[in-house]
Amino acid sequence: MKFLFRTFDVKRKEILEVEIDQATKVKFMTARDLKAYRMGKTYSYHGGTFEESPIRFVIPHDGQWTAVVEKGTYRAPVEVKAQCHVLPPNGLVRSSIAMDAPEEVRQFALDRASAEDAEQHAAEISRASRSEG
């Protein structure tokens, strides 16, 4: 399989952002998992199939992280163009959820985002009421 990749030395909470020109699989993995991926062995990754760009991944821990953009399969290759860069930490940015993520992962992300939105809204109302009084 052909793929594009780029490795970064990043810190926890920094953001890897990948822009793609068409739907494809985008995987974020550690250096050890990249080695296993390249050797055809079992590996772990964050990500999956994405149709829209940009794709963002919030780094869970310091280290070398690689963004891998797959160029289709061996039997059905595709020409994909991609760009990748690191963004500084931003508490408002969440990791993108892949189309092929399990339903419970998608639901957990939606529930967490809803809870955080409600908490942020309550804090804004509280600040507004203190400033009016």
Protein backbone atom coordinates (compact mmCIF):
# COMPACT_ATOMS: atom_id res chain seq x y z
CA MET A 1 0.00 0.00 0.00
CA LYS A 2 1.19 3.50 -0.76
CA PHE A 3 0.90 6.28 1.74
CA LEU A 4 2.12 9.75 2.59
CA PHE A 5 3.51 10.47 6.03
CA ARG A 6 5.13 13.16 8.09
CA THR A 7 6.61 12.85 11.58
CA PHE A 8 6.62 15.60 14.20
CA ASP A 9 8.16 16.04 17.65
CA VAL A 10 5.15 17.40 19.52
CA LYS A 11 4.00 18.15 23.03
CA ARG A 12 0.79 17.15 24.78
CA LYS A 13 -2.24 19.21 23.69
CA GLU A 14 -0.60 20.52 20.50
CA ILE A 15 -2.70 19.85 17.42
CA LEU A 16 -1.75 18.01 14.23
CA GLU A 17 -3.86 19.31 11.36
CA VAL A 18 -4.07 17.48 8.03
CA GLU A 19 -5.71 18.83 4.90
CA ILE A 20 -6.72 16.36 2.18
CA ASP A 21 -8.14 16.92 -1.29
CA GLN A 22 -10.41 13.84 -1.28
CA ALA A 23 -11.85 11.21 1.05
CA THR A 24 -9.22 8.85 2.42
CA LYS A 25 -7.91 7.24 5.60
CA VAL A 26 -5.84 9.45 7.87
CA LYS A 27 -4.05 7.81 10.80
CA PHE A 28 -2.12 9.34 13.66
CA MET A 29 0.42 7.05 15.33
CA THR A 30 3.52 6.94 17.47
CA ALA A 31 6.98 6.15 16.07
CA ARG A 32 6.75 2.55 17.31
CA ASP A 33 3.37 2.03 15.66
CA LEU A 34 4.64 3.57 12.42
CA LYS A 35 7.45 1.03 12.35
CA ALA A 36 4.96 -1.83 12.85
CA TYR A 37 2.63 -0.33 10.17
CA ARG A 38 5.48 -0.19 7.63
CA MET A 39 6.45 -3.80 8.42
CA GLY A 40 2.87 -5.04 8.03
CA LYS A 41 2.58 -5.97 11.70
CA THR A 42 -0.17 -5.18 14.21
CA TYR A 43 -0.27 -1.50 15.17
CA SER A 44 -2.49 1.03 16.92
CA TYR A 45 -3.60 4.38 15.59
CA HIS A 46 -6.05 7.24 16.05
CA GLY A 47 -8.14 8.32 13.08
CA GLY A 48 -9.87 6.50 10.25
CA THR A 49 -11.73 7.49 7.09
CA PHE A 50 -12.40 11.18 6.59
CA GLU A 51 -14.32 12.93 3.81
CA GLU A 52 -13.78 16.53 4.85
CA SER A 53 -10.75 18.61 5.59
CA PRO A 54 -9.16 19.76 7.86
CA ILE A 55 -8.68 16.80 10.17
CA ARG A 56 -7.42 17.68 13.63
CA PHE A 57 -5.80 15.46 16.23
CA VAL A 58 -5.05 16.72 19.74
CA ILE A 59 -1.81 15.08 20.91
CA PRO A 60 -2.43 12.93 24.03
CA HIS A 61 1.21 12.82 25.21
CA ASP A 62 4.64 14.21 24.32
CA GLY A 63 6.71 12.37 21.72
CA GLN A 64 7.12 11.67 18.04
CA TRP A 65 3.78 11.43 16.28
CA THR A 66 3.24 10.67 12.61
CA ALA A 67 0.33 11.64 10.39
CA VAL A 68 -0.23 8.94 7.74
CA VAL A 69 -2.45 9.56 4.70
CA GLU A 70 -3.27 6.35 2.84
CA LYS A 71 -3.37 6.47 -0.95
CA GLY A 72 -6.13 3.90 -1.41
CA THR A 73 -5.48 0.17 -1.53
CA TYR A 74 -3.06 -1.94 -3.54
CA ARG A 75 -5.83 -2.87 -6.01
CA ALA A 76 -7.50 0.55 -6.05
CA PRO A 77 -4.87 3.26 -5.61
CA VAL A 78 -5.91 6.92 -5.51
CA GLU A 79 -3.94 10.11 -5.95
CA VAL A 80 -4.26 12.06 -2.75
CA LYS A 81 -2.67 15.39 -2.00
CA ALA A 82 -2.21 16.32 1.64
CA GLN A 83 -0.65 18.97 3.82
CA CYS A 84 0.14 18.61 7.50
CA HIS A 85 1.24 21.06 10.16
CA VAL A 86 1.31 21.59 13.92
CA LEU A 87 -0.94 24.10 15.65
CA PRO A 88 -0.42 25.43 19.18
CA PRO A 89 -2.65 24.12 21.99
CA ASN A 90 -6.21 25.45 21.92
CA GLY A 91 -8.79 24.33 24.49
CA LEU A 92 -11.63 24.88 22.01
CA VAL A 93 -10.31 22.42 19.39
CA ARG A 94 -11.31 18.75 19.60
CA SER A 95 -9.93 15.80 17.65
CA SER A 96 -11.90 15.01 14.49
CA ILE A 97 -14.04 11.84 14.60
CA ALA A 98 -13.66 9.43 11.67
CA MET A 99 -16.65 8.35 9.59
CA ASP A 100 -15.82 4.70 10.30
CA ALA A 101 -15.37 5.17 14.07
CA PRO A 102 -17.50 2.78 16.14
CA GLU A 103 -20.90 4.20 17.08
CA GLU A 104 -20.05 4.28 20.79
CA VAL A 105 -16.96 6.41 20.04
CA ARG A 106 -18.99 8.81 17.93
CA GLN A 107 -21.71 9.03 20.62
CA PHE A 108 -19.15 9.54 23.40
CA ALA A 109 -17.59 12.42 21.47
CA LEU A 110 -21.00 14.02 20.89
CA ASP A 111 -22.03 13.59 24.54
CA ARG A 112 -18.72 15.02 25.78
CA ALA A 113 -18.97 17.99 23.42
CA SER A 114 -22.58 18.65 24.52
CA ALA A 115 -21.62 18.52 28.21
CA GLU A 116 -18.66 20.85 27.64
CA ASP A 117 -20.84 23.25 25.64
CA ALA A 118 -23.44 23.30 28.43
CA GLU A 119 -20.74 23.90 31.05
CA GLN A 120 -19.21 26.72 28.99
CA HIS A 121 -22.65 28.28 28.45
CA ALA A 122 -23.39 28.15 32.20
CA ALA A 123 -20.04 29.82 32.95
CA GLU A 124 -20.79 32.57 30.41
CA ILE A 125 -24.23 33.19 31.95
CA SER A 126 -22.66 33.32 35.40
CA ARG A 127 -20.05 35.84 34.27
CA ALA A 128 -22.71 37.93 32.51
CA SER A 129 -24.96 38.00 35.58
CA ARG A 130 -22.05 39.08 37.81
CA SER A 131 -21.11 41.89 35.42
CA GLU A 132 -24.71 43.18 35.23
CA GLY A 133 -25.24 43.30 39.00
